[in-house]
Structures are given as C-alpha cells and as structure tokens.
Amino acid sequence: NLSSQGLVACSVSVLLSYYF
C-alpha cells in the first residue's frame, strides 16, 4: 500500500545512509 511503500522508501534511505 501507499503507506507501506513510504515506510520502505524511508528504511532504504536510512540503510543507504548507514552504508555510505
């Protein structure tokens, strides 16, 4: 759903900030 996609996008950006 829309809210879960936003949550996934937020989690991905957090993971990317941890990796890079």
Protein backbone atom coordinates (compact mmCIF):
# COMPACT_ATOMS: atom_id res chain seq x y z
CA ASN A 1 0.00 0.00 0.00
CA LEU A 2 0.95 3.67 -0.18
CA SER A 3 1.93 3.99 3.50
CA SER A 4 3.98 0.78 3.43
CA GLN A 5 5.79 1.97 0.28
CA GLY A 6 6.68 5.20 2.08
CA LEU A 7 7.96 3.20 5.03
CA VAL A 8 10.06 1.00 2.75
CA ALA A 9 11.49 4.06 0.98
CA CYS A 10 12.36 5.59 4.34
CA SER A 11 14.03 2.38 5.52
CA VAL A 12 16.01 2.12 2.27
CA SER A 13 17.26 5.70 2.59
CA VAL A 14 18.29 5.03 6.21
CA LEU A 15 20.13 1.86 5.16
CA LEU A 16 21.88 3.76 2.36
CA SER A 17 22.93 6.47 4.82
CA TYR A 18 24.41 3.76 7.06
CA TYR A 19 26.25 2.08 4.17
CA PHE A 20 27.54 5.30 2.53
